[in-house]
């Protein structure tokens, strides 16, 4: 599988809050840094941060610019490279359009989450599908208390939770993203 045909999107909307309401969550410095570094380390095609709020775009831009052009760029030059393929967009449609334009076909969309969904597939099965070719692949990660059900209706695959039988499944999204990408693209079985 060519890792440059795999993209990550971190959805801040539409997601649930702990009360089951649909909300837009805030962008965090840690998620931007760690998932950008993950995408660069594994040679992914890119990392999209999806948030509909202009104020959150300004926040993300300040963080990214600091590490690409500000004092942070001279302090830690490797962050320039990590953020090179990070984009902040307003909605998932924008991601789909960009990938369709770049690859001249629709991406195969995979949703992740901490809750089990009927018909979800395992890591070995998805890794096999990806190894057989095709792509690009877009792997969706959610914030808050999970991606809204409407998104699940539009994806090609839903990946089973990392620990489907655990009674405690509350990893940070950046930890979950790292584990999932390694299971799909890493050397291990």
N, C-alpha and C. Protein backbone atom coordinates (compact mmCIF):
# COMPACT_ATOMS: atom_id res chain seq x y z
N UNK A 1 0.84 -1.18 0.00
CA UNK A 1 0.00 0.00 0.00
C UNK A 1 0.88 1.24 0.00
N UNK A 2 0.58 2.15 -0.88
CA UNK A 2 1.32 3.42 -0.92
C UNK A 2 0.77 4.34 0.17
N UNK A 3 1.58 4.67 1.16
CA UNK A 3 1.07 5.53 2.24
C UNK A 3 0.68 6.92 1.77
N UNK A 4 1.26 7.38 0.66
CA UNK A 4 0.90 8.71 0.17
C UNK A 4 -0.51 8.75 -0.43
N UNK A 5 -1.16 7.60 -0.53
CA UNK A 5 -2.55 7.53 -0.96
C UNK A 5 -3.51 7.46 0.22
N UNK A 6 -2.96 7.59 1.43
CA UNK A 6 -3.78 7.56 2.65
C UNK A 6 -3.78 8.96 3.26
N UNK A 7 -4.96 9.43 3.58
CA UNK A 7 -5.15 10.75 4.18
C UNK A 7 -5.92 10.59 5.48
N UNK A 8 -5.69 11.51 6.40
CA UNK A 8 -6.42 11.55 7.67
C UNK A 8 -7.24 12.83 7.70
N UNK A 9 -8.47 12.71 8.19
CA UNK A 9 -9.28 13.90 8.47
C UNK A 9 -9.74 13.83 9.92
N UNK A 10 -9.48 14.89 10.66
CA UNK A 10 -9.93 15.00 12.04
C UNK A 10 -11.16 15.89 12.06
N UNK A 11 -12.31 15.28 12.33
CA UNK A 11 -13.58 16.00 12.30
C UNK A 11 -13.89 16.65 13.64
N UNK A 12 -14.12 17.95 13.59
CA UNK A 12 -14.60 18.70 14.75
C UNK A 12 -16.09 19.00 14.61
N UNK A 13 -16.66 18.61 13.48
CA UNK A 13 -18.08 18.76 13.21
C UNK A 13 -18.42 17.89 12.01
N UNK A 14 -19.54 17.21 11.99
CA UNK A 14 -20.51 17.07 13.06
C UNK A 14 -20.10 15.96 14.03
N UNK A 15 -19.99 16.31 15.28
CA UNK A 15 -19.68 15.35 16.34
C UNK A 15 -20.64 15.57 17.51
N UNK A 16 -20.68 14.60 18.39
CA UNK A 16 -21.54 14.69 19.57
C UNK A 16 -20.77 15.22 20.77
N UNK A 17 -21.50 15.88 21.68
CA UNK A 17 -20.94 16.17 22.99
C UNK A 17 -21.42 15.09 23.95
N UNK A 18 -21.06 15.18 25.21
CA UNK A 18 -21.40 14.11 26.16
C UNK A 18 -22.89 14.00 26.44
N UNK A 19 -23.66 15.00 26.01
CA UNK A 19 -25.12 14.96 26.18
C UNK A 19 -25.84 14.46 24.93
N UNK A 20 -25.07 14.07 23.91
CA UNK A 20 -25.65 13.57 22.69
C UNK A 20 -26.08 14.65 21.72
N UNK A 21 -25.69 15.89 21.98
CA UNK A 21 -26.03 17.00 21.10
C UNK A 21 -24.95 17.13 20.01
N UNK A 22 -25.36 17.59 18.84
CA UNK A 22 -24.42 17.81 17.75
C UNK A 22 -23.75 19.16 17.96
N UNK A 23 -22.41 19.14 17.97
CA UNK A 23 -21.64 20.36 18.25
C UNK A 23 -20.43 20.43 17.32
N UNK A 24 -19.78 21.58 17.37
CA UNK A 24 -18.45 21.74 16.77
C UNK A 24 -17.48 21.86 17.94
N UNK A 25 -16.46 21.04 17.96
CA UNK A 25 -15.48 21.06 19.04
C UNK A 25 -14.31 21.97 18.66
N UNK A 26 -13.50 22.27 19.64
CA UNK A 26 -12.37 23.17 19.41
C UNK A 26 -11.14 22.39 18.94
N UNK A 27 -10.32 23.07 18.19
CA UNK A 27 -9.04 22.52 17.73
C UNK A 27 -8.06 22.61 18.89
N UNK A 28 -7.28 21.55 19.09
CA UNK A 28 -6.29 21.60 20.15
C UNK A 28 -4.87 21.60 19.57
N UNK A 29 -4.01 22.28 20.25
CA UNK A 29 -2.60 22.35 19.89
C UNK A 29 -1.99 20.95 19.80
N UNK A 30 -2.28 20.10 20.77
CA UNK A 30 -1.71 18.75 20.81
C UNK A 30 -2.14 17.93 19.60
N UNK A 31 -3.44 18.00 19.24
CA UNK A 31 -3.90 17.24 18.08
C UNK A 31 -3.22 17.71 16.80
N UNK A 32 -3.11 19.02 16.63
CA UNK A 32 -2.44 19.55 15.44
C UNK A 32 -1.01 19.03 15.34
N UNK A 33 -0.27 19.16 16.43
CA UNK A 33 1.13 18.73 16.45
C UNK A 33 1.27 17.23 16.23
N UNK A 34 0.60 16.47 17.07
CA UNK A 34 0.84 15.04 17.07
C UNK A 34 0.33 14.34 15.82
N UNK A 35 -0.82 14.75 15.31
CA UNK A 35 -1.34 14.08 14.12
C UNK A 35 -0.58 14.54 12.88
N UNK A 36 -0.14 15.79 12.85
CA UNK A 36 0.73 16.24 11.74
C UNK A 36 2.02 15.43 11.73
N UNK A 37 2.61 15.22 12.90
CA UNK A 37 3.84 14.44 12.99
C UNK A 37 3.59 12.98 12.60
N UNK A 38 2.45 12.43 12.98
CA UNK A 38 2.07 11.08 12.59
C UNK A 38 1.98 10.97 11.07
N UNK A 39 1.28 11.91 10.45
CA UNK A 39 1.11 11.88 8.99
C UNK A 39 2.46 11.96 8.29
N UNK A 40 3.33 12.79 8.77
CA UNK A 40 4.66 12.94 8.15
C UNK A 40 5.53 11.70 8.38
N UNK A 41 5.51 11.16 9.58
CA UNK A 41 6.31 9.99 9.91
C UNK A 41 5.95 8.79 9.03
N UNK A 42 4.65 8.59 8.79
CA UNK A 42 4.21 7.45 7.99
C UNK A 42 4.12 7.78 6.50
N UNK A 43 4.46 9.01 6.12
CA UNK A 43 4.45 9.38 4.71
C UNK A 43 3.07 9.48 4.10
N UNK A 44 2.08 9.85 4.91
CA UNK A 44 0.71 9.94 4.41
C UNK A 44 0.57 11.09 3.43
N UNK A 45 -0.50 11.04 2.64
CA UNK A 45 -0.75 12.07 1.65
C UNK A 45 -1.08 13.42 2.27
N UNK A 46 -1.66 13.41 3.46
CA UNK A 46 -1.99 14.67 4.12
C UNK A 46 -2.87 14.47 5.33
N UNK A 47 -3.02 15.55 6.07
CA UNK A 47 -3.83 15.60 7.28
C UNK A 47 -4.76 16.81 7.17
N UNK A 48 -6.05 16.55 7.22
CA UNK A 48 -7.07 17.60 7.16
C UNK A 48 -7.70 17.80 8.52
N UNK A 49 -7.79 19.03 8.95
CA UNK A 49 -8.48 19.41 10.17
C UNK A 49 -9.78 20.05 9.72
N UNK A 50 -10.91 19.44 10.08
CA UNK A 50 -12.22 19.88 9.60
C UNK A 50 -12.97 20.58 10.72
N UNK A 51 -13.17 21.88 10.55
CA UNK A 51 -13.87 22.67 11.56
C UNK A 51 -14.61 23.81 10.86
N UNK A 52 -15.92 23.98 11.13
CA UNK A 52 -16.70 25.00 10.43
C UNK A 52 -16.54 26.42 10.98
N UNK A 53 -15.83 26.58 12.08
CA UNK A 53 -15.76 27.88 12.74
C UNK A 53 -14.55 28.68 12.31
N UNK A 54 -14.79 29.88 11.81
CA UNK A 54 -13.70 30.76 11.35
C UNK A 54 -12.71 31.05 12.49
N UNK A 55 -13.21 31.23 13.69
CA UNK A 55 -12.33 31.51 14.83
C UNK A 55 -11.35 30.35 15.07
N UNK A 56 -11.80 29.13 14.84
CA UNK A 56 -10.92 27.97 15.01
C UNK A 56 -9.89 27.89 13.89
N UNK A 57 -10.25 28.34 12.71
CA UNK A 57 -9.28 28.39 11.61
C UNK A 57 -8.17 29.39 11.93
N UNK A 58 -8.56 30.51 12.51
CA UNK A 58 -7.56 31.52 12.89
C UNK A 58 -6.62 30.97 13.96
N UNK A 59 -7.17 30.25 14.93
CA UNK A 59 -6.35 29.64 15.98
C UNK A 59 -5.37 28.64 15.36
N UNK A 60 -5.88 27.74 14.52
CA UNK A 60 -5.02 26.74 13.89
C UNK A 60 -3.94 27.40 13.04
N UNK A 61 -4.31 28.43 12.31
CA UNK A 61 -3.33 29.12 11.46
C UNK A 61 -2.23 29.75 12.30
N UNK A 62 -2.60 30.33 13.45
CA UNK A 62 -1.58 30.93 14.33
C UNK A 62 -0.60 29.86 14.83
N UNK A 63 -1.13 28.71 15.21
CA UNK A 63 -0.27 27.63 15.71
C UNK A 63 0.65 27.14 14.60
N UNK A 64 0.08 26.86 13.44
CA UNK A 64 0.87 26.34 12.32
C UNK A 64 1.90 27.36 11.86
N UNK A 65 1.49 28.62 11.73
CA UNK A 65 2.42 29.67 11.29
C UNK A 65 3.58 29.85 12.28
N UNK A 66 3.29 29.74 13.56
CA UNK A 66 4.35 29.86 14.56
C UNK A 66 5.45 28.83 14.32
N UNK A 67 5.03 27.60 14.01
CA UNK A 67 6.00 26.53 13.82
C UNK A 67 6.59 26.48 12.41
N UNK A 68 5.98 27.19 11.47
CA UNK A 68 6.52 27.20 10.12
C UNK A 68 7.28 28.48 9.79
N UNK A 69 6.90 29.60 10.44
CA UNK A 69 7.51 30.88 10.09
C UNK A 69 8.00 31.67 11.30
N UNK A 70 7.46 31.39 12.46
CA UNK A 70 7.82 32.16 13.65
C UNK A 70 9.04 31.59 14.36
N UNK A 71 9.18 31.97 15.62
CA UNK A 71 10.31 31.50 16.42
C UNK A 71 10.37 29.98 16.46
N UNK A 72 9.20 29.34 16.48
CA UNK A 72 9.15 27.88 16.52
C UNK A 72 9.87 27.22 15.36
N UNK A 73 9.88 27.88 14.20
CA UNK A 73 10.55 27.31 13.03
C UNK A 73 12.06 27.19 13.24
N UNK A 74 12.65 28.18 13.91
CA UNK A 74 14.09 28.08 14.17
C UNK A 74 14.37 27.22 15.40
N UNK A 75 13.44 27.22 16.34
CA UNK A 75 13.60 26.43 17.56
C UNK A 75 13.52 24.93 17.26
N UNK A 76 12.57 24.54 16.39
CA UNK A 76 12.37 23.13 16.09
C UNK A 76 12.03 22.98 14.60
N UNK A 77 13.04 22.98 13.74
CA UNK A 77 12.82 22.93 12.29
C UNK A 77 12.04 21.71 11.79
N UNK A 78 12.04 20.63 12.55
CA UNK A 78 11.30 19.44 12.09
C UNK A 78 9.79 19.69 12.05
N UNK A 79 9.32 20.68 12.80
CA UNK A 79 7.88 20.99 12.77
C UNK A 79 7.47 21.61 11.43
N UNK A 80 8.40 22.29 10.77
CA UNK A 80 8.10 22.83 9.44
C UNK A 80 7.67 21.69 8.53
N UNK A 81 8.46 20.64 8.56
CA UNK A 81 8.18 19.46 7.74
C UNK A 81 6.88 18.79 8.15
N UNK A 82 6.64 18.67 9.45
CA UNK A 82 5.43 18.01 9.94
C UNK A 82 4.17 18.72 9.49
N UNK A 83 4.18 20.04 9.50
CA UNK A 83 2.98 20.81 9.15
C UNK A 83 2.83 21.06 7.65
N UNK A 84 3.79 20.64 6.87
CA UNK A 84 3.76 20.92 5.43
C UNK A 84 2.51 20.36 4.74
N UNK A 85 1.99 19.24 5.21
CA UNK A 85 0.84 18.59 4.57
C UNK A 85 -0.40 18.63 5.46
N UNK A 86 -0.48 19.64 6.32
CA UNK A 86 -1.64 19.82 7.18
C UNK A 86 -2.49 20.96 6.62
N UNK A 87 -3.78 20.70 6.45
CA UNK A 87 -4.70 21.71 5.92
C UNK A 87 -5.89 21.84 6.85
N UNK A 88 -6.35 23.06 7.03
CA UNK A 88 -7.54 23.33 7.84
C UNK A 88 -8.66 23.72 6.88
N UNK A 89 -9.76 22.97 6.93
CA UNK A 89 -10.88 23.19 6.01
C UNK A 89 -12.18 23.32 6.79
N UNK A 90 -13.22 23.80 6.11
CA UNK A 90 -14.49 24.08 6.78
C UNK A 90 -15.42 22.87 6.89
N UNK A 91 -15.34 21.94 5.93
CA UNK A 91 -16.24 20.78 6.01
C UNK A 91 -15.67 19.59 5.25
N UNK A 92 -16.30 18.45 5.45
CA UNK A 92 -15.83 17.21 4.84
C UNK A 92 -15.97 17.26 3.32
N UNK A 93 -16.95 17.97 2.82
CA UNK A 93 -17.12 18.12 1.37
C UNK A 93 -15.88 18.74 0.74
N UNK A 94 -15.29 19.70 1.42
CA UNK A 94 -14.08 20.34 0.93
C UNK A 94 -12.93 19.33 0.82
N UNK A 95 -12.81 18.45 1.79
CA UNK A 95 -11.78 17.41 1.75
C UNK A 95 -12.03 16.49 0.56
N UNK A 96 -13.27 16.04 0.43
CA UNK A 96 -13.63 15.12 -0.67
C UNK A 96 -13.34 15.77 -2.02
N UNK A 97 -13.70 17.03 -2.18
CA UNK A 97 -13.46 17.73 -3.45
C UNK A 97 -11.96 17.83 -3.75
N UNK A 98 -11.16 18.16 -2.74
CA UNK A 98 -9.72 18.27 -2.95
C UNK A 98 -9.10 16.93 -3.35
N UNK A 99 -9.53 15.86 -2.68
CA UNK A 99 -8.98 14.55 -3.01
C UNK A 99 -9.44 14.08 -4.38
N UNK A 100 -10.69 14.35 -4.71
CA UNK A 100 -11.21 14.00 -6.03
C UNK A 100 -10.44 14.75 -7.12
N UNK A 101 -10.17 16.03 -6.90
CA UNK A 101 -9.41 16.81 -7.88
C UNK A 101 -7.98 16.29 -8.02
N UNK A 102 -7.36 15.95 -6.90
CA UNK A 102 -5.96 15.51 -6.91
C UNK A 102 -5.80 14.13 -7.55
N UNK A 103 -6.77 13.23 -7.31
CA UNK A 103 -6.62 11.83 -7.74
C UNK A 103 -7.56 11.42 -8.87
N UNK A 104 -8.43 12.34 -9.27
CA UNK A 104 -9.38 12.09 -10.35
C UNK A 104 -10.31 10.92 -10.09
N UNK A 105 -10.58 10.67 -8.83
CA UNK A 105 -11.58 9.67 -8.41
C UNK A 105 -11.93 9.92 -6.96
N UNK A 106 -13.07 9.40 -6.56
CA UNK A 106 -13.50 9.57 -5.17
C UNK A 106 -12.61 8.76 -4.24
N UNK A 107 -12.33 9.31 -3.07
CA UNK A 107 -11.58 8.52 -2.09
C UNK A 107 -12.46 7.43 -1.48
N UNK A 108 -11.83 6.39 -1.02
CA UNK A 108 -12.51 5.35 -0.25
C UNK A 108 -12.46 5.83 1.19
N UNK A 109 -13.64 6.01 1.79
CA UNK A 109 -13.72 6.66 3.10
C UNK A 109 -13.94 5.63 4.19
N UNK A 110 -13.10 5.72 5.23
CA UNK A 110 -13.15 4.81 6.37
C UNK A 110 -13.37 5.63 7.63
N UNK A 111 -14.42 5.30 8.38
CA UNK A 111 -14.70 6.00 9.63
C UNK A 111 -14.20 5.18 10.81
N UNK A 112 -13.62 5.86 11.78
CA UNK A 112 -13.18 5.21 13.01
C UNK A 112 -14.06 5.69 14.16
N UNK A 113 -13.96 5.02 15.27
CA UNK A 113 -14.71 5.44 16.45
C UNK A 113 -14.50 4.48 17.60
N UNK A 114 -14.91 4.90 18.77
CA UNK A 114 -14.75 4.08 19.97
C UNK A 114 -15.93 3.14 20.20
N UNK A 115 -17.01 3.33 19.43
CA UNK A 115 -18.20 2.49 19.58
C UNK A 115 -18.29 1.51 18.41
N UNK A 116 -18.76 0.31 18.72
CA UNK A 116 -18.93 -0.71 17.69
C UNK A 116 -20.16 -0.40 16.85
N UNK A 117 -20.02 -0.55 15.54
CA UNK A 117 -21.11 -0.34 14.59
C UNK A 117 -21.42 -1.66 13.90
N UNK A 118 -22.69 -1.91 13.59
CA UNK A 118 -23.01 -3.12 12.82
C UNK A 118 -22.29 -3.07 11.47
N UNK A 119 -21.73 -4.19 11.07
CA UNK A 119 -21.06 -4.26 9.78
C UNK A 119 -19.66 -3.67 9.76
N UNK A 120 -19.11 -3.33 10.93
CA UNK A 120 -17.75 -2.78 10.94
C UNK A 120 -16.76 -3.87 10.55
N UNK A 121 -15.60 -3.43 10.04
CA UNK A 121 -14.60 -4.39 9.61
C UNK A 121 -13.37 -4.29 10.51
N UNK A 122 -12.59 -5.36 10.51
CA UNK A 122 -11.40 -5.42 11.33
C UNK A 122 -10.18 -4.83 10.62
N UNK A 123 -9.12 -4.71 11.37
CA UNK A 123 -7.88 -4.10 10.87
C UNK A 123 -7.23 -4.95 9.80
N UNK A 124 -7.16 -6.25 10.00
CA UNK A 124 -6.55 -7.13 9.00
C UNK A 124 -7.32 -7.07 7.68
N UNK A 125 -8.65 -7.05 7.79
CA UNK A 125 -9.46 -6.99 6.57
C UNK A 125 -9.22 -5.68 5.82
N UNK A 126 -9.22 -4.56 6.53
CA UNK A 126 -8.99 -3.28 5.87
C UNK A 126 -7.57 -3.19 5.34
N UNK A 127 -6.61 -3.70 6.09
CA UNK A 127 -5.22 -3.69 5.63
C UNK A 127 -5.10 -4.49 4.33
N UNK A 128 -5.81 -5.60 4.24
CA UNK A 128 -5.82 -6.41 3.02
C UNK A 128 -6.45 -5.67 1.85
N UNK A 129 -7.55 -4.98 2.11
CA UNK A 129 -8.21 -4.20 1.06
C UNK A 129 -7.26 -3.12 0.56
N UNK A 130 -6.61 -2.44 1.49
CA UNK A 130 -5.69 -1.36 1.11
C UNK A 130 -4.47 -1.91 0.36
N UNK A 131 -3.98 -3.06 0.77
CA UNK A 131 -2.81 -3.66 0.12
C UNK A 131 -3.13 -4.10 -1.31
N UNK A 132 -4.40 -4.39 -1.58
CA UNK A 132 -4.80 -4.84 -2.91
C UNK A 132 -4.76 -3.70 -3.92
N UNK A 133 -4.59 -2.48 -3.44
CA UNK A 133 -4.47 -1.34 -4.36
C UNK A 133 -5.66 -0.41 -4.25
N UNK A 134 -5.79 0.40 -5.24
CA UNK A 134 -6.87 1.37 -5.23
C UNK A 134 -6.49 2.59 -4.42
N UNK A 135 -7.49 3.29 -4.00
CA UNK A 135 -7.26 4.51 -3.25
C UNK A 135 -7.53 5.70 -4.12
N UNK A 136 -7.44 6.84 -3.60
CA UNK A 136 -6.94 7.18 -2.28
C UNK A 136 -7.89 6.74 -1.17
N UNK A 137 -7.35 6.68 0.04
CA UNK A 137 -8.13 6.34 1.23
C UNK A 137 -8.17 7.56 2.14
N UNK A 138 -9.34 7.82 2.68
CA UNK A 138 -9.52 8.89 3.65
C UNK A 138 -10.01 8.27 4.94
N UNK A 139 -9.22 8.40 6.00
CA UNK A 139 -9.57 7.82 7.29
C UNK A 139 -10.06 8.94 8.20
N UNK A 140 -11.30 8.81 8.66
CA UNK A 140 -11.93 9.84 9.47
C UNK A 140 -11.78 9.53 10.96
N UNK A 141 -11.33 10.52 11.70
CA UNK A 141 -11.27 10.46 13.15
C UNK A 141 -12.16 11.55 13.70
N UNK A 142 -12.81 11.27 14.81
CA UNK A 142 -13.72 12.25 15.40
C UNK A 142 -13.19 12.80 16.70
N UNK A 143 -13.75 13.92 17.08
CA UNK A 143 -13.45 14.54 18.36
C UNK A 143 -14.72 14.49 19.20
N UNK A 144 -14.70 15.11 20.36
CA UNK A 144 -15.88 15.10 21.22
C UNK A 144 -16.22 13.68 21.65
N UNK A 145 -17.49 13.33 21.51
CA UNK A 145 -17.97 12.00 21.90
C UNK A 145 -18.32 11.17 20.68
N UNK A 146 -17.66 11.46 19.57
CA UNK A 146 -17.81 10.63 18.38
C UNK A 146 -18.44 11.36 17.21
N UNK A 147 -18.20 10.80 16.05
CA UNK A 147 -18.69 11.34 14.78
C UNK A 147 -20.20 11.11 14.68
N UNK A 148 -20.91 12.11 14.18
CA UNK A 148 -22.37 12.05 14.02
C UNK A 148 -22.77 10.88 13.11
N UNK A 149 -23.90 10.27 13.42
CA UNK A 149 -24.39 9.11 12.68
C UNK A 149 -24.59 9.38 11.19
N UNK A 150 -24.89 10.61 10.81
CA UNK A 150 -25.10 10.93 9.39
C UNK A 150 -23.84 10.66 8.57
N UNK A 151 -22.67 10.83 9.17
CA UNK A 151 -21.41 10.58 8.46
C UNK A 151 -21.27 9.09 8.19
N UNK A 152 -21.66 8.25 9.15
CA UNK A 152 -21.55 6.79 9.00
C UNK A 152 -22.33 6.30 7.79
N UNK A 153 -23.42 6.98 7.46
CA UNK A 153 -24.24 6.58 6.33
C UNK A 153 -23.56 6.85 4.99
N UNK A 154 -22.53 7.69 4.97
CA UNK A 154 -21.89 8.11 3.73
C UNK A 154 -20.53 7.46 3.49
N UNK A 155 -20.03 6.67 4.42
CA UNK A 155 -18.68 6.11 4.28
C UNK A 155 -18.71 4.75 3.62
N UNK A 156 -17.54 4.32 3.15
CA UNK A 156 -17.42 3.00 2.54
C UNK A 156 -17.23 1.90 3.57
N UNK A 157 -16.47 2.21 4.62
CA UNK A 157 -16.20 1.23 5.68
C UNK A 157 -16.23 1.93 7.03
N UNK A 158 -16.60 1.14 8.04
CA UNK A 158 -16.47 1.59 9.43
C UNK A 158 -15.53 0.61 10.11
N UNK A 159 -14.47 1.12 10.66
CA UNK A 159 -13.46 0.29 11.30
C UNK A 159 -13.89 -0.04 12.73
N UNK A 160 -13.66 -1.26 13.14
CA UNK A 160 -14.03 -1.64 14.51
C UNK A 160 -13.20 -0.84 15.50
N UNK A 161 -13.71 -0.65 16.71
CA UNK A 161 -12.94 0.08 17.73
C UNK A 161 -11.62 -0.63 18.04
N UNK A 162 -10.68 0.12 18.54
CA UNK A 162 -9.37 -0.46 18.89
C UNK A 162 -9.51 -1.58 19.91
N UNK A 163 -10.28 -1.36 20.93
CA UNK A 163 -10.49 -2.35 21.97
C UNK A 163 -11.99 -2.63 22.09
N UNK A 164 -12.55 -3.40 21.15
CA UNK A 164 -14.01 -3.54 21.09
C UNK A 164 -14.64 -4.19 22.33
N UNK A 165 -13.87 -4.91 23.12
CA UNK A 165 -14.44 -5.59 24.28
C UNK A 165 -14.07 -4.94 25.60
N UNK A 166 -13.40 -3.79 25.53
CA UNK A 166 -13.00 -3.09 26.75
C UNK A 166 -14.19 -2.33 27.33
N UNK A 167 -14.25 -2.28 28.64
CA UNK A 167 -15.32 -1.49 29.28
C UNK A 167 -14.88 -0.04 29.44
N UNK A 168 -13.65 0.29 29.00
CA UNK A 168 -13.14 1.66 29.06
C UNK A 168 -12.42 1.94 27.75
N UNK A 169 -13.01 2.77 26.92
CA UNK A 169 -12.45 3.03 25.60
C UNK A 169 -12.42 4.53 25.37
N UNK A 170 -11.50 5.21 26.02
CA UNK A 170 -11.44 6.67 25.97
C UNK A 170 -10.02 7.17 25.69
N UNK A 171 -9.40 6.64 24.65
CA UNK A 171 -8.09 7.15 24.24
C UNK A 171 -8.24 8.54 23.66
N UNK A 172 -7.20 9.33 23.75
CA UNK A 172 -7.20 10.60 23.02
C UNK A 172 -7.21 10.28 21.53
N UNK A 173 -7.76 11.18 20.73
CA UNK A 173 -7.84 10.92 19.30
C UNK A 173 -6.44 10.80 18.70
N UNK A 174 -5.47 11.54 19.22
CA UNK A 174 -4.13 11.44 18.65
C UNK A 174 -3.49 10.10 18.99
N UNK A 175 -3.78 9.54 20.15
CA UNK A 175 -3.28 8.19 20.47
C UNK A 175 -3.94 7.16 19.58
N UNK A 176 -5.25 7.25 19.45
CA UNK A 176 -6.00 6.30 18.62
C UNK A 176 -5.52 6.37 17.17
N UNK A 177 -5.33 7.59 16.66
CA UNK A 177 -4.87 7.75 15.27
C UNK A 177 -3.52 7.08 15.07
N UNK A 178 -2.61 7.24 16.01
CA UNK A 178 -1.29 6.63 15.89
C UNK A 178 -1.38 5.11 15.86
N UNK A 179 -2.17 4.55 16.74
CA UNK A 179 -2.31 3.09 16.79
C UNK A 179 -2.95 2.58 15.50
N UNK A 180 -4.01 3.24 15.05
CA UNK A 180 -4.73 2.79 13.86
C UNK A 180 -3.84 2.87 12.62
N UNK A 181 -3.15 3.98 12.44
CA UNK A 181 -2.28 4.11 11.27
C UNK A 181 -1.17 3.06 11.32
N UNK A 182 -0.63 2.78 12.49
CA UNK A 182 0.40 1.75 12.57
C UNK A 182 -0.18 0.37 12.26
N UNK A 183 -1.38 0.08 12.74
CA UNK A 183 -1.98 -1.22 12.42
C UNK A 183 -2.23 -1.38 10.92
N UNK A 184 -2.56 -0.29 10.25
CA UNK A 184 -2.87 -0.37 8.82
C UNK A 184 -1.64 -0.28 7.93
N UNK A 185 -0.64 0.50 8.34
CA UNK A 185 0.50 0.74 7.46
C UNK A 185 1.83 0.28 8.03
N UNK A 186 1.85 -0.10 9.31
CA UNK A 186 3.10 -0.52 9.93
C UNK A 186 3.56 -1.87 9.46
N UNK A 187 4.76 -2.24 9.85
CA UNK A 187 5.35 -3.50 9.42
C UNK A 187 4.77 -4.72 10.15
N UNK A 188 4.21 -4.49 11.33
CA UNK A 188 3.69 -5.61 12.13
C UNK A 188 2.41 -6.18 11.53
N UNK A 189 2.00 -7.33 12.09
CA UNK A 189 0.79 -7.99 11.62
C UNK A 189 -0.31 -7.64 12.59
